[in-house]
Amino acid sequence: QEDGTWFVRDLVTDDDNRSVDAEKWAQYIPLMIGPPEIEIEALTVDDRDYTKWGIEEDGASIEIRFSGVSQRGTRFVDGILLMIGDKTDDGQYYYATSASDQTFTPVLKLEGNWTDTMFSLLDDVPYGD
């Protein structure tokens, strides 16, 4: 979002941001802050082996980017990359973990409808043009 206008960029096909249809995009805006519900499945994972939950290095992922301002007033873009695994047996959640170099990265359960909606945006972006 820049100056109240939302943009999307497919990093594979787009060189620049593309505006979205504001009316269609309105339903997604509340979801852009991240998953509405996150639970912890496992705090620690031996040898960072997440395959038990279907999480693989080259598997599906969702990156949430956001802008920030340093203490000195410098604007920057930061984000978190969530590696997505299998759905839970009840279908309510997806297993996920953060792709980070932290000492430990727990296995999370992300709300399934949010995750499915984020994936659907890859296939059907509500571009404004």
Protein backbone atom coordinates (compact mmCIF):
# COMPACT_ATOMS: atom_id res chain seq x y z
CA GLN A 1 0.00 0.00 0.00
CA GLU A 2 1.30 3.43 -0.94
CA ASP A 3 -0.57 6.63 -0.12
CA GLY A 4 -3.81 4.71 0.45
CA THR A 5 -3.63 2.82 -2.86
CA TRP A 6 -2.99 -0.92 -2.94
CA PHE A 7 -0.62 -2.47 -5.45
CA VAL A 8 0.45 -5.98 -6.33
CA ARG A 9 3.62 -7.19 -7.99
CA ASP A 10 4.21 -10.66 -9.33
CA LEU A 11 7.96 -10.85 -8.82
CA VAL A 12 8.24 -13.32 -11.71
CA THR A 13 6.33 -11.38 -14.38
CA ASP A 14 6.03 -7.74 -13.26
CA ASP A 15 8.79 -5.12 -13.34
CA ASP A 16 6.66 -2.60 -11.44
CA ASN A 17 3.75 -2.50 -9.03
CA ARG A 18 0.32 -2.90 -10.61
CA SER A 19 -2.77 -1.30 -9.08
CA VAL A 20 -5.63 -3.50 -7.96
CA ASP A 21 -9.37 -3.09 -8.38
CA ALA A 22 -10.22 -1.29 -5.11
CA GLU A 23 -13.73 -2.75 -4.93
CA LYS A 24 -12.57 -6.34 -5.36
CA TRP A 25 -9.50 -5.80 -3.16
CA ALA A 26 -11.59 -4.49 -0.24
CA GLN A 27 -12.40 -8.04 0.89
CA TYR A 28 -8.69 -8.85 1.17
CA ILE A 29 -7.51 -5.76 3.05
CA PRO A 30 -8.42 -7.11 6.51
CA LEU A 31 -6.43 -10.26 5.72
CA MET A 32 -3.25 -8.37 4.81
CA ILE A 33 -2.18 -7.99 8.44
CA GLY A 34 -1.56 -11.73 8.64
CA PRO A 35 -3.37 -14.86 9.75
CA PRO A 36 -6.23 -14.22 12.18
CA GLU A 37 -5.31 -17.28 14.21
CA ILE A 38 -1.94 -18.91 14.85
CA GLU A 39 -1.32 -21.79 17.21
CA ILE A 40 1.95 -23.45 18.19
CA GLU A 41 2.18 -27.12 17.25
CA ALA A 42 5.77 -27.76 18.39
CA LEU A 43 8.25 -25.40 20.02
CA THR A 44 11.40 -27.23 19.00
CA VAL A 45 12.23 -29.48 16.07
CA ASP A 46 15.19 -31.85 16.00
CA ASP A 47 17.74 -30.95 13.30
CA ARG A 48 15.28 -28.47 11.77
CA ASP A 49 13.59 -31.38 9.97
CA TYR A 50 10.03 -30.21 9.27
CA THR A 51 9.10 -32.98 6.83
CA LYS A 52 6.83 -34.61 9.43
CA TRP A 53 4.51 -31.62 8.89
CA GLY A 54 4.99 -31.48 5.10
CA ILE A 55 7.20 -28.39 5.31
CA GLU A 56 10.02 -28.44 2.78
CA GLU A 57 12.58 -25.84 1.67
CA ASP A 58 11.26 -25.76 -1.90
CA GLY A 59 7.59 -26.11 -0.93
CA ALA A 60 4.82 -23.52 -0.80
CA SER A 61 5.45 -20.29 1.08
CA ILE A 62 3.80 -16.99 1.88
CA GLU A 63 5.82 -13.84 2.47
CA ILE A 64 4.30 -11.00 4.44
CA ARG A 65 6.09 -7.72 3.78
CA PHE A 66 5.64 -4.51 5.69
CA SER A 67 7.30 -1.14 5.88
CA GLY A 68 8.91 0.25 8.96
CA VAL A 69 10.82 3.27 10.17
CA SER A 70 14.13 3.01 12.02
CA GLN A 71 14.90 5.03 15.14
CA ARG A 72 16.74 7.47 12.88
CA GLY A 73 13.74 7.90 10.58
CA THR A 74 14.91 5.67 7.72
CA ARG A 75 12.06 3.86 5.97
CA PHE A 76 12.67 0.20 5.13
CA VAL A 77 10.80 -2.89 3.99
CA ASP A 78 10.89 -5.92 6.23
CA GLY A 79 9.01 -9.17 6.19
CA ILE A 80 8.58 -12.73 7.28
CA LEU A 81 8.64 -15.77 5.02
CA LEU A 82 6.35 -18.56 6.15
CA MET A 83 7.09 -22.00 4.73
CA ILE A 84 3.77 -23.83 4.43
CA GLY A 85 3.26 -27.55 4.91
CA ASP A 86 0.36 -29.97 5.05
CA LYS A 87 -3.14 -29.27 6.29
CA THR A 88 -4.03 -30.63 9.71
CA ASP A 89 -6.14 -33.79 9.79
CA ASP A 90 -9.26 -31.76 10.55
CA GLY A 91 -8.54 -29.36 7.64
CA GLN A 92 -8.78 -26.27 9.86
CA TYR A 93 -5.10 -25.27 9.74
CA TYR A 94 -1.91 -25.49 7.73
CA TYR A 95 1.38 -26.33 9.37
CA ALA A 96 4.03 -23.66 8.84
CA THR A 97 7.32 -22.36 10.13
CA SER A 98 9.29 -19.19 9.65
CA ALA A 99 12.23 -19.36 7.25
CA SER A 100 14.68 -17.70 9.59
CA ASP A 101 18.06 -18.29 11.13
CA GLN A 102 16.78 -17.99 14.69
CA THR A 103 17.97 -20.50 17.28
CA PHE A 104 14.65 -22.29 17.06
CA THR A 105 11.69 -21.87 14.78
CA PRO A 106 8.52 -23.52 16.07
CA VAL A 107 5.98 -25.34 13.95
CA LEU A 108 2.88 -23.18 13.74
CA LYS A 109 -0.71 -23.84 12.72
CA LEU A 110 -2.08 -21.09 10.47
CA GLU A 111 -5.82 -20.64 10.06
CA GLY A 112 -6.78 -22.60 6.92
CA ASN A 113 -9.19 -20.14 5.29
CA TRP A 114 -6.63 -17.32 5.48
CA THR A 115 -3.94 -19.54 3.97
CA ASP A 116 -6.23 -20.76 1.17
CA THR A 117 -7.22 -17.15 0.40
CA MET A 118 -3.58 -16.07 0.16
CA PHE A 119 -2.87 -18.95 -2.23
CA SER A 120 -5.95 -18.06 -4.31
CA LEU A 121 -4.57 -14.56 -4.88
CA LEU A 122 -1.72 -16.11 -6.87
CA ASP A 123 -4.17 -17.49 -9.41
CA ASP A 124 -6.73 -14.69 -9.50
CA VAL A 125 -5.16 -11.30 -8.74
CA PRO A 126 -7.82 -8.54 -8.78
CA TYR A 127 -5.77 -6.20 -10.97
CA GLY A 128 -7.28 -2.82 -11.69
CA ASP A 129 -6.10 -2.70 -15.31
